[in-house]
Amino acid sequence: MNPIEDIQARADSRRIAIDKVGIKDILHPVRVKDRSCGEQHTVARFDMYVNLPHDFKGTHMSRFVEILNSHDREISIASFPVILQEMLQRLEAESGYIDMRFPYFVEKAAPVSGVRSLLDYQVSFIGEIDSSGCRIKVKIVIPVTSLCPCSKEISERGAHNQRSHVTITVSASEFIWIEELIALVEAEASSPIYGLLKRPDEKYVTEYAYDHPKFVEDMVRDIAARLDADPRIGAYTVESENFESIHNHSAYALIERRKPQP
């Protein structure tokens, strides 16, 4: 049988390098560290890319899947540098990128009744590698309640409030639990969100939010102050989007910081 030619290995004459090429949105089961239970089984979506030099016609797409499968379900923040380095070696690349996105569940107790329920958060582990080194980030989308200070001030009864999404992306010098970052954000919102509430709980969270009004600007500033005070965090981005209940648009704010190196 004649050997089958590898078309991707041919030279390319256009002399145009490609910044990112690879596979996108592949599903894979993973295990993630869980602060209360040790580990949590979930399913992640992966994007895996490398750069392609100008003289290479194409990359080897199947090798990305082989690398992913070779690590079975043992994929974590700690293993990201190993996977990124393996991508560079096997695909003969100079830079690589992985984005691993998955739902993460936290069991929460209602504030009065204590009834327990699960709440899901969207988490991403993002890794990049090039000649300057390897960089890992954790990104979490955290739903909270925000209540408008202006509405509270000018209204005789009540104040408009809404669900908000706070998105934080952090680079850390040591391990940080996902639950730590969630708790930090929820503490700076008008109120946390719960999967299940009884009537006494609903009364409590409604009144709690009324007593803790926050503009979108307040939310990102208060969270940024907490992140600034944490020596483990070297860089961060904080975004807040309030899905305004009395408008047909959202309110949005962002703070991005890289702390000075000691």
C-alpha atoms as a PDB file:
ATOM      1  CA  MET A   1       0.000   0.000   0.000  1.00  0.00           C
ATOM      2  CA  ASN A   2       1.370   3.389  -0.983  1.00  0.00           C
ATOM      3  CA  PRO A   3       1.907   5.880   1.874  1.00  0.00           C
ATOM      4  CA  ILE A   4      -0.740   8.608   2.196  1.00  0.00           C
ATOM      5  CA  GLU A   5       0.692  12.083   1.759  1.00  0.00           C
ATOM      6  CA  ASP A   6       0.367  14.525   4.664  1.00  0.00           C
ATOM      7  CA  ILE A   7      -0.977  17.593   2.839  1.00  0.00           C
ATOM      8  CA  GLN A   8      -0.718  19.744   5.989  1.00  0.00           C
ATOM      9  CA  ALA A   9       3.050  19.189   6.034  1.00  0.00           C
ATOM     10  CA  ARG A  10       3.543  20.859   2.673  1.00  0.00           C
ATOM     11  CA  ALA A  11       5.293  24.231   2.513  1.00  0.00           C
ATOM     12  CA  ASP A  12       3.218  27.375   1.985  1.00  0.00           C
ATOM     13  CA  SER A  13       4.408  30.124  -0.362  1.00  0.00           C
ATOM     14  CA  ARG A  14       2.121  32.991   0.733  1.00  0.00           C
ATOM     15  CA  ARG A  15       4.425  33.986   3.609  1.00  0.00           C
ATOM     16  CA  ILE A  16       1.542  34.866   5.957  1.00  0.00           C
ATOM     17  CA  ALA A  17       1.789  33.565   9.522  1.00  0.00           C
ATOM     18  CA  ILE A  18      -1.362  32.599  11.458  1.00  0.00           C
ATOM     19  CA  ASP A  19      -1.711  33.801  15.057  1.00  0.00           C
ATOM     20  CA  LYS A  20      -4.076  31.056  16.268  1.00  0.00           C
ATOM     21  CA  VAL A  21      -5.154  27.811  14.638  1.00  0.00           C
ATOM     22  CA  GLY A  22      -6.572  24.681  16.229  1.00  0.00           C
ATOM     23  CA  ILE A  23      -9.810  23.219  17.547  1.00  0.00           C
ATOM     24  CA  LYS A  24     -12.718  25.084  19.113  1.00  0.00           C
ATOM     25  CA  ASP A  25     -15.599  24.069  21.362  1.00  0.00           C
ATOM     26  CA  ILE A  26     -14.723  20.402  21.944  1.00  0.00           C
ATOM     27  CA  LEU A  27     -16.478  18.775  24.924  1.00  0.00           C
ATOM     28  CA  HIS A  28     -14.481  16.733  27.432  1.00  0.00           C
ATOM     29  CA  PRO A  29     -15.240  15.400  30.953  1.00  0.00           C
ATOM     30  CA  VAL A  30     -13.054  16.847  33.708  1.00  0.00           C
ATOM     31  CA  ARG A  31     -12.600  16.806  37.468  1.00  0.00           C
ATOM     32  CA  VAL A  32     -12.211  20.148  39.240  1.00  0.00           C
ATOM     33  CA  LYS A  33     -11.070  20.806  42.815  1.00  0.00           C
ATOM     34  CA  ASP A  34     -14.044  21.473  45.105  1.00  0.00           C
ATOM     35  CA  ARG A  35     -13.465  23.155  48.467  1.00  0.00           C
ATOM     36  CA  SER A  36     -16.238  21.284  50.299  1.00  0.00           C
ATOM     37  CA  CYS A  37     -16.217  17.871  48.581  1.00  0.00           C
ATOM     38  CA  GLY A  38     -12.639  17.459  47.374  1.00  0.00           C
ATOM     39  CA  GLU A  39     -13.469  17.352  43.676  1.00  0.00           C
ATOM     40  CA  GLN A  40     -16.382  17.953  41.332  1.00  0.00           C
ATOM     41  CA  HIS A  41     -17.110  16.122  38.085  1.00  0.00           C
ATOM     42  CA  THR A  42     -18.229  18.349  35.235  1.00  0.00           C
ATOM     43  CA  VAL A  43     -18.034  18.712  31.453  1.00  0.00           C
ATOM     44  CA  ALA A  44     -15.853  21.416  29.897  1.00  0.00           C
ATOM     45  CA  ARG A  45     -15.669  23.025  26.475  1.00  0.00           C
ATOM     46  CA  PHE A  46     -12.121  23.483  25.209  1.00  0.00           C
ATOM     47  CA  ASP A  47     -10.538  25.840  22.693  1.00  0.00           C
ATOM     48  CA  MET A  48      -6.949  24.797  21.878  1.00  0.00           C
ATOM     49  CA  TYR A  49      -4.773  26.844  19.518  1.00  0.00           C
ATOM     50  CA  VAL A  50      -1.157  27.298  18.462  1.00  0.00           C
ATOM     51  CA  ASN A  51       0.522  29.734  16.116  1.00  0.00           C
ATOM     52  CA  LEU A  52       1.441  28.616  12.596  1.00  0.00           C
ATOM     53  CA  PRO A  53       4.639  29.909  10.929  1.00  0.00           C
ATOM     54  CA  HIS A  54       4.328  31.486   7.494  1.00  0.00           C
ATOM     55  CA  ASP A  55       6.001  28.558   5.711  1.00  0.00           C
ATOM     56  CA  PHE A  56       3.694  25.828   7.142  1.00  0.00           C
ATOM     57  CA  LYS A  57       0.573  25.007   5.123  1.00  0.00           C
ATOM     58  CA  GLY A  58      -1.435  23.713   8.082  1.00  0.00           C
ATOM     59  CA  THR A  59      -1.390  22.399  11.628  1.00  0.00           C
ATOM     60  CA  HIS A  60      -2.200  18.839  12.726  1.00  0.00           C
ATOM     61  CA  MET A  61      -5.729  19.123  14.144  1.00  0.00           C
ATOM     62  CA  SER A  62      -5.890  15.519  15.375  1.00  0.00           C
ATOM     63  CA  ARG A  63      -2.940  16.090  17.708  1.00  0.00           C
ATOM     64  CA  PHE A  64      -4.957  18.538  19.821  1.00  0.00           C
ATOM     65  CA  VAL A  65      -7.532  15.818  20.491  1.00  0.00           C
ATOM     66  CA  GLU A  66      -4.790  13.282  21.202  1.00  0.00           C
ATOM     67  CA  ILE A  67      -3.221  15.632  23.766  1.00  0.00           C
ATOM     68  CA  LEU A  68      -6.588  16.228  25.444  1.00  0.00           C
ATOM     69  CA  ASN A  69      -7.402  12.512  25.606  1.00  0.00           C
ATOM     70  CA  SER A  70      -3.932  11.605  26.884  1.00  0.00           C
ATOM     71  CA  HIS A  71      -4.627  13.571  30.066  1.00  0.00           C
ATOM     72  CA  ASP A  72      -7.935  11.734  30.575  1.00  0.00           C
ATOM     73  CA  ARG A  73      -9.884  13.778  33.138  1.00  0.00           C
ATOM     74  CA  GLU A  74      -6.871  14.977  35.122  1.00  0.00           C
ATOM     75  CA  ILE A  75      -6.980  18.523  33.793  1.00  0.00           C
ATOM     76  CA  SER A  76      -6.539  21.407  36.216  1.00  0.00           C
ATOM     77  CA  ILE A  77      -4.843  24.754  36.673  1.00  0.00           C
ATOM     78  CA  ALA A  78      -1.767  22.817  37.836  1.00  0.00           C
ATOM     79  CA  SER A  79      -1.650  20.684  34.665  1.00  0.00           C
ATOM     80  CA  PHE A  80      -2.200  23.563  32.217  1.00  0.00           C
ATOM     81  CA  PRO A  81       1.534  24.402  31.833  1.00  0.00           C
ATOM     82  CA  VAL A  82       2.268  20.737  31.034  1.00  0.00           C
ATOM     83  CA  ILE A  83      -0.469  20.590  28.384  1.00  0.00           C
ATOM     84  CA  LEU A  84       0.607  23.905  26.847  1.00  0.00           C
ATOM     85  CA  GLN A  85       4.231  22.768  26.644  1.00  0.00           C
ATOM     86  CA  GLU A  86       3.132  19.492  25.059  1.00  0.00           C
ATOM     87  CA  MET A  87       1.151  21.434  22.445  1.00  0.00           C
ATOM     88  CA  LEU A  88       4.245  23.432  21.473  1.00  0.00           C
ATOM     89  CA  GLN A  89       6.392  20.316  21.171  1.00  0.00           C
ATOM     90  CA  ARG A  90       3.963  18.117  19.258  1.00  0.00           C
ATOM     91  CA  LEU A  91       2.756  20.866  16.916  1.00  0.00           C
ATOM     92  CA  GLU A  92       6.164  22.529  16.437  1.00  0.00           C
ATOM     93  CA  ALA A  93       4.758  25.887  17.510  1.00  0.00           C
ATOM     94  CA  GLU A  94       6.126  28.939  19.316  1.00  0.00           C
ATOM     95  CA  SER A  95       2.951  29.932  21.175  1.00  0.00           C
ATOM     96  CA  GLY A  96      -0.123  28.136  22.472  1.00  0.00           C
ATOM     97  CA  TYR A  97      -3.505  28.910  24.022  1.00  0.00           C
ATOM     98  CA  ILE A  98      -6.140  26.907  25.949  1.00  0.00           C
ATOM     99  CA  ASP A  99      -9.558  28.062  27.143  1.00  0.00           C
ATOM    100  CA  MET A 100     -11.437  25.533  29.306  1.00  0.00           C
ATOM    101  CA  ARG A 101     -15.032  26.562  30.167  1.00  0.00           C
ATOM    102  CA  PHE A 102     -17.318  24.632  32.483  1.00  0.00           C
ATOM    103  CA  PRO A 103     -20.305  24.961  34.848  1.00  0.00           C
ATOM    104  CA  TYR A 104     -19.325  24.793  38.510  1.00  0.00           C
ATOM    105  CA  PHE A 105     -21.891  24.133  41.237  1.00  0.00           C
ATOM    106  CA  VAL A 106     -21.835  25.463  44.792  1.00  0.00           C
ATOM    107  CA  GLU A 107     -24.256  24.329  47.495  1.00  0.00           C
ATOM    108  CA  LYS A 108     -25.652  27.339  49.342  1.00  0.00           C
ATOM    109  CA  ALA A 109     -27.826  27.646  52.443  1.00  0.00           C
ATOM    110  CA  ALA A 110     -30.719  30.122  52.420  1.00  0.00           C
ATOM    111  CA  PRO A 111     -30.084  32.975  54.906  1.00  0.00           C
ATOM    112  CA  VAL A 112     -33.035  32.325  57.272  1.00  0.00           C
ATOM    113  CA  SER A 113     -34.521  28.865  56.717  1.00  0.00           C
ATOM    114  CA  GLY A 114     -31.156  27.270  55.985  1.00  0.00           C
ATOM    115  CA  VAL A 115     -32.665  25.229  53.146  1.00  0.00           C
ATOM    116  CA  ARG A 116     -29.862  24.093  50.841  1.00  0.00           C
ATOM    117  CA  SER A 117     -29.735  24.259  47.042  1.00  0.00           C
ATOM    118  CA  LEU A 118     -27.205  24.302  44.222  1.00  0.00           C
ATOM    119  CA  LEU A 119     -26.266  27.385  42.227  1.00  0.00           C
ATOM    120  CA  ASP A 120     -24.242  27.184  39.032  1.00  0.00           C
ATOM    121  CA  TYR A 121     -21.410  29.511  38.034  1.00  0.00           C
ATOM    122  CA  GLN A 122     -19.645  29.711  34.678  1.00  0.00           C
ATOM    123  CA  VAL A 123     -15.897  29.213  35.188  1.00  0.00           C
ATOM    124  CA  SER A 124     -13.003  29.363  32.718  1.00  0.00           C
ATOM    125  CA  PHE A 125      -9.366  28.351  33.050  1.00  0.00           C
ATOM    126  CA  ILE A 126      -7.301  30.216  30.440  1.00  0.00           C
ATOM    127  CA  GLY A 127      -3.679  29.414  29.640  1.00  0.00           C
ATOM    128  CA  GLU A 128      -1.163  31.001  27.262  1.00  0.00           C
ATOM    129  CA  ILE A 129       2.457  30.127  26.540  1.00  0.00           C
ATOM    130  CA  ASP A 130       5.145  31.758  24.400  1.00  0.00           C
ATOM    131  CA  SER A 131       8.819  32.705  24.585  1.00  0.00           C
ATOM    132  CA  SER A 132       8.151  34.957  27.593  1.00  0.00           C
ATOM    133  CA  GLY A 133       6.683  32.130  29.685  1.00  0.00           C
ATOM    134  CA  CYS A 134       3.379  30.607  30.750  1.00  0.00           C
ATOM    135  CA  ARG A 135       0.416  32.627  32.044  1.00  0.00           C
ATOM    136  CA  ILE A 136      -2.692  31.152  33.678  1.00  0.00           C
ATOM    137  CA  LYS A 137      -5.939  32.995  34.481  1.00  0.00           C
ATOM    138  CA  VAL A 138      -9.203  32.049  36.198  1.00  0.00           C
ATOM    139  CA  LYS A 139     -12.428  33.667  34.996  1.00  0.00           C
ATOM    140  CA  ILE A 140     -15.781  33.394  36.808  1.00  0.00           C
ATOM    141  CA  VAL A 141     -19.214  34.817  35.966  1.00  0.00           C
ATOM    142  CA  ILE A 142     -21.068  35.424  39.243  1.00  0.00           C
ATOM    143  CA  PRO A 143     -24.787  36.333  39.257  1.00  0.00           C
ATOM    144  CA  VAL A 144     -25.822  38.751  42.019  1.00  0.00           C
ATOM    145  CA  THR A 145     -28.559  41.263  42.843  1.00  0.00           C
ATOM    146  CA  SER A 146     -27.991  45.012  42.518  1.00  0.00           C
ATOM    147  CA  LEU A 147     -30.315  47.714  43.837  1.00  0.00           C
ATOM    148  CA  CYS A 148     -30.154  51.277  42.520  1.00  0.00           C
ATOM    149  CA  PRO A 149     -29.149  53.909  45.149  1.00  0.00           C
ATOM    150  CA  CYS A 150     -30.766  56.704  43.127  1.00  0.00           C
ATOM    151  CA  SER A 151     -34.074  54.859  42.862  1.00  0.00           C
ATOM    152  CA  LYS A 152     -34.044  54.228  46.611  1.00  0.00           C
ATOM    153  CA  GLU A 153     -33.289  57.891  47.358  1.00  0.00           C
ATOM    154  CA  ILE A 154     -36.026  59.412  45.189  1.00  0.00           C
ATOM    155  CA  SER A 155     -38.812  56.858  45.693  1.00  0.00           C
ATOM    156  CA  GLU A 156     -41.330  56.853  48.517  1.00  0.00           C
ATOM    157  CA  ARG A 157     -41.842  53.091  48.179  1.00  0.00           C
ATOM    158  CA  GLY A 158     -39.228  50.563  47.122  1.00  0.00           C
ATOM    159  CA  ALA A 159     -36.395  50.818  44.605  1.00  0.00           C
ATOM    160  CA  HIS A 160     -35.689  49.138  41.294  1.00  0.00           C
ATOM    161  CA  ASN A 161     -33.356  46.177  41.462  1.00  0.00           C
ATOM    162  CA  GLN A 162     -32.162  43.535  39.048  1.00  0.00           C
ATOM    163  CA  ARG A 163     -29.928  40.571  38.507  1.00  0.00           C
ATOM    164  CA  SER A 164     -26.356  41.461  37.585  1.00  0.00           C
ATOM    165  CA  HIS A 165     -23.445  39.462  36.227  1.00  0.00           C
ATOM    166  CA  VAL A 166     -20.066  40.209  37.750  1.00  0.00           C
ATOM    167  CA  THR A 167     -17.195  38.715  35.753  1.00  0.00           C
ATOM    168  CA  ILE A 168     -13.776  38.529  37.371  1.00  0.00           C
ATOM    169  CA  THR A 169     -10.592  37.338  35.679  1.00  0.00           C
ATOM    170  CA  VAL A 170      -7.567  36.899  37.938  1.00  0.00           C
ATOM    171  CA  SER A 171      -3.922  35.880  37.663  1.00  0.00           C
ATOM    172  CA  ALA A 172      -2.602  34.530  40.956  1.00  0.00           C
ATOM    173  CA  SER A 173       0.788  33.565  42.356  1.00  0.00           C
ATOM    174  CA  GLU A 174      -0.681  30.620  44.266  1.00  0.00           C
ATOM    175  CA  PHE A 175      -3.785  28.452  44.347  1.00  0.00           C
ATOM    176  CA  ILE A 176      -7.105  30.185  45.091  1.00  0.00           C
ATOM    177  CA  TRP A 177     -10.354  28.294  45.564  1.00  0.00           C
ATOM    178  CA  ILE A 178     -13.145  29.095  43.122  1.00  0.00           C
ATOM    179  CA  GLU A 179     -15.417  29.448  46.160  1.00  0.00           C
ATOM    180  CA  GLU A 180     -13.156  32.166  47.619  1.00  0.00           C
ATOM    181  CA  LEU A 181     -13.550  34.364  44.563  1.00  0.00           C
ATOM    182  CA  ILE A 182     -17.307  33.780  44.454  1.00  0.00           C
ATOM    183  CA  ALA A 183     -17.683  34.717  48.133  1.00  0.00           C
ATOM    184  CA  LEU A 184     -15.572  37.858  47.651  1.00  0.00           C
ATOM    185  CA  VAL A 185     -17.832  39.107  44.852  1.00  0.00           C
ATOM    186  CA  GLU A 186     -21.113  38.194  46.549  1.00  0.00           C
ATOM    187  CA  ALA A 187     -20.067  40.082  49.691  1.00  0.00           C
ATOM    188  CA  GLU A 188     -19.799  43.300  47.651  1.00  0.00           C
ATOM    189  CA  ALA A 189     -23.170  42.999  45.867  1.00  0.00           C
ATOM    190  CA  SER A 190     -26.496  44.348  47.073  1.00  0.00           C
ATOM    191  CA  SER A 191     -27.385  40.709  47.736  1.00  0.00           C
ATOM    192  CA  PRO A 192     -26.234  37.234  46.728  1.00  0.00           C
ATOM    193  CA  ILE A 193     -28.500  35.006  44.633  1.00  0.00           C
ATOM    194  CA  TYR A 194     -29.812  31.625  45.817  1.00  0.00           C
ATOM    195  CA  GLY A 195     -31.246  28.632  43.996  1.00  0.00           C
ATOM    196  CA  LEU A 196     -34.048  28.116  46.535  1.00  0.00           C
ATOM    197  CA  LEU A 197     -35.659  30.518  49.016  1.00  0.00           C
ATOM    198  CA  LYS A 198     -38.607  30.180  51.396  1.00  0.00           C
ATOM    199  CA  ARG A 199     -40.822  33.158  52.263  1.00  0.00           C
ATOM    200  CA  PRO A 200     -38.729  34.268  55.290  1.00  0.00           C
ATOM    201  CA  ASP A 201     -35.612  34.075  53.085  1.00  0.00           C
ATOM    202  CA  GLU A 202     -37.240  36.128  50.333  1.00  0.00           C
ATOM    203  CA  LYS A 203     -38.164  38.810  52.871  1.00  0.00           C
ATOM    204  CA  TYR A 204     -34.590  38.810  54.169  1.00  0.00           C
ATOM    205  CA  VAL A 205     -32.836  39.129  50.792  1.00  0.00           C
ATOM    206  CA  THR A 206     -35.282  41.818  49.622  1.00  0.00           C
ATOM    207  CA  GLU A 207     -34.626  43.930  52.705  1.00  0.00           C
ATOM    208  CA  TYR A 208     -30.898  43.157  52.655  1.00  0.00           C
ATOM    209  CA  ALA A 209     -30.599  44.423  49.083  1.00  0.00           C
ATOM    210  CA  TYR A 210     -32.566  47.562  50.028  1.00  0.00           C
ATOM    211  CA  ASP A 211     -30.074  48.215  52.843  1.00  0.00           C
ATOM    212  CA  HIS A 212     -27.066  47.707  50.507  1.00  0.00           C
ATOM    213  CA  PRO A 213     -27.741  49.731  47.333  1.00  0.00           C
ATOM    214  CA  LYS A 214     -24.963  49.684  44.728  1.00  0.00           C
ATOM    215  CA  PHE A 215     -24.413  51.427  41.419  1.00  0.00           C
ATOM    216  CA  VAL A 216     -22.534  49.400  38.814  1.00  0.00           C
ATOM    217  CA  GLU A 217     -19.566  51.708  39.532  1.00  0.00           C
ATOM    218  CA  ASP A 218     -19.751  50.892  43.255  1.00  0.00           C
ATOM    219  CA  MET A 219     -19.739  47.187  42.542  1.00  0.00           C
ATOM    220  CA  VAL A 220     -16.558  47.112  40.456  1.00  0.00           C
ATOM    221  CA  ARG A 221     -14.725  49.545  42.763  1.00  0.00           C
ATOM    222  CA  ASP A 222     -15.554  47.614  45.934  1.00  0.00           C
ATOM    223  CA  ILE A 223     -14.533  44.302  44.360  1.00  0.00           C
ATOM    224  CA  ALA A 224     -11.334  45.854  42.969  1.00  0.00           C
ATOM    225  CA  ALA A 225     -10.430  47.120  46.448  1.00  0.00           C
ATOM    226  CA  ARG A 226     -10.760  43.581  47.813  1.00  0.00           C
ATOM    227  CA  LEU A 227      -8.612  42.150  45.009  1.00  0.00           C
ATOM    228  CA  ASP A 228      -6.003  44.882  45.522  1.00  0.00           C
ATOM    229  CA  ALA A 229      -5.719  43.808  49.158  1.00  0.00           C
ATOM    230  CA  ASP A 230      -5.086  40.132  48.313  1.00  0.00           C
ATOM    231  CA  PRO A 231      -1.314  39.560  47.886  1.00  0.00           C
ATOM    232  CA  ARG A 232      -1.906  36.327  45.942  1.00  0.00           C
ATOM    233  CA  ILE A 233      -3.487  38.198  43.031  1.00  0.00           C
ATOM    234  CA  GLY A 234      -1.087  39.865  40.603  1.00  0.00           C
ATOM    235  CA  ALA A 235      -3.528  41.071  37.950  1.00  0.00           C
ATOM    236  CA  TYR A 236      -7.275  41.188  37.520  1.00  0.00           C
ATOM    237  CA  THR A 237     -10.208  42.397  35.466  1.00  0.00           C
ATOM    238  CA  VAL A 238     -13.577  43.118  37.088  1.00  0.00           C
ATOM    239  CA  GLU A 239     -16.684  43.657  34.972  1.00  0.00           C
ATOM    240  CA  SER A 240     -20.249  44.232  36.083  1.00  0.00           C
ATOM    241  CA  GLU A 241     -23.309  44.209  33.858  1.00  0.00           C
ATOM    242  CA  ASN A 242     -26.628  45.186  35.446  1.00  0.00           C
ATOM    243  CA  PHE A 243     -29.634  43.997  33.433  1.00  0.00           C
ATOM    244  CA  GLU A 244     -31.681  47.087  34.229  1.00  0.00           C
ATOM    245  CA  SER A 245     -35.275  46.274  35.183  1.00  0.00           C
ATOM    246  CA  ILE A 246     -36.672  49.686  34.137  1.00  0.00           C
ATOM    247  CA  HIS A 247     -34.644  50.192  30.931  1.00  0.00           C
ATOM    248  CA  ASN A 248     -34.114  48.308  27.680  1.00  0.00           C
ATOM    249  CA  HIS A 249     -30.337  48.451  28.120  1.00  0.00           C
ATOM    250  CA  SER A 250     -27.740  47.247  30.625  1.00  0.00           C
ATOM    251  CA  ALA A 251     -25.458  49.334  32.831  1.00  0.00           C
ATOM    252  CA  TYR A 252     -21.793  48.293  32.572  1.00  0.00           C
ATOM    253  CA  ALA A 253     -18.452  49.047  34.234  1.00  0.00           C
ATOM    254  CA  LEU A 254     -14.942  47.561  34.036  1.00  0.00           C
ATOM    255  CA  ILE A 255     -11.697  47.905  35.984  1.00  0.00           C
ATOM    256  CA  GLU A 256      -8.472  46.286  34.805  1.00  0.00           C
ATOM    257  CA  ARG A 257      -5.306  46.281  36.912  1.00  0.00           C
ATOM    258  CA  ARG A 258      -1.843  44.750  36.894  1.00  0.00           C
ATOM    259  CA  LYS A 259      -0.178  45.191  40.275  1.00  0.00           C
ATOM    260  CA  PRO A 260       3.432  46.415  40.435  1.00  0.00           C
ATOM    261  CA  GLN A 261       5.939  43.618  40.962  1.00  0.00           C
ATOM    262  CA  PRO A 262       7.454  43.645  44.497  1.00  0.00           C
END
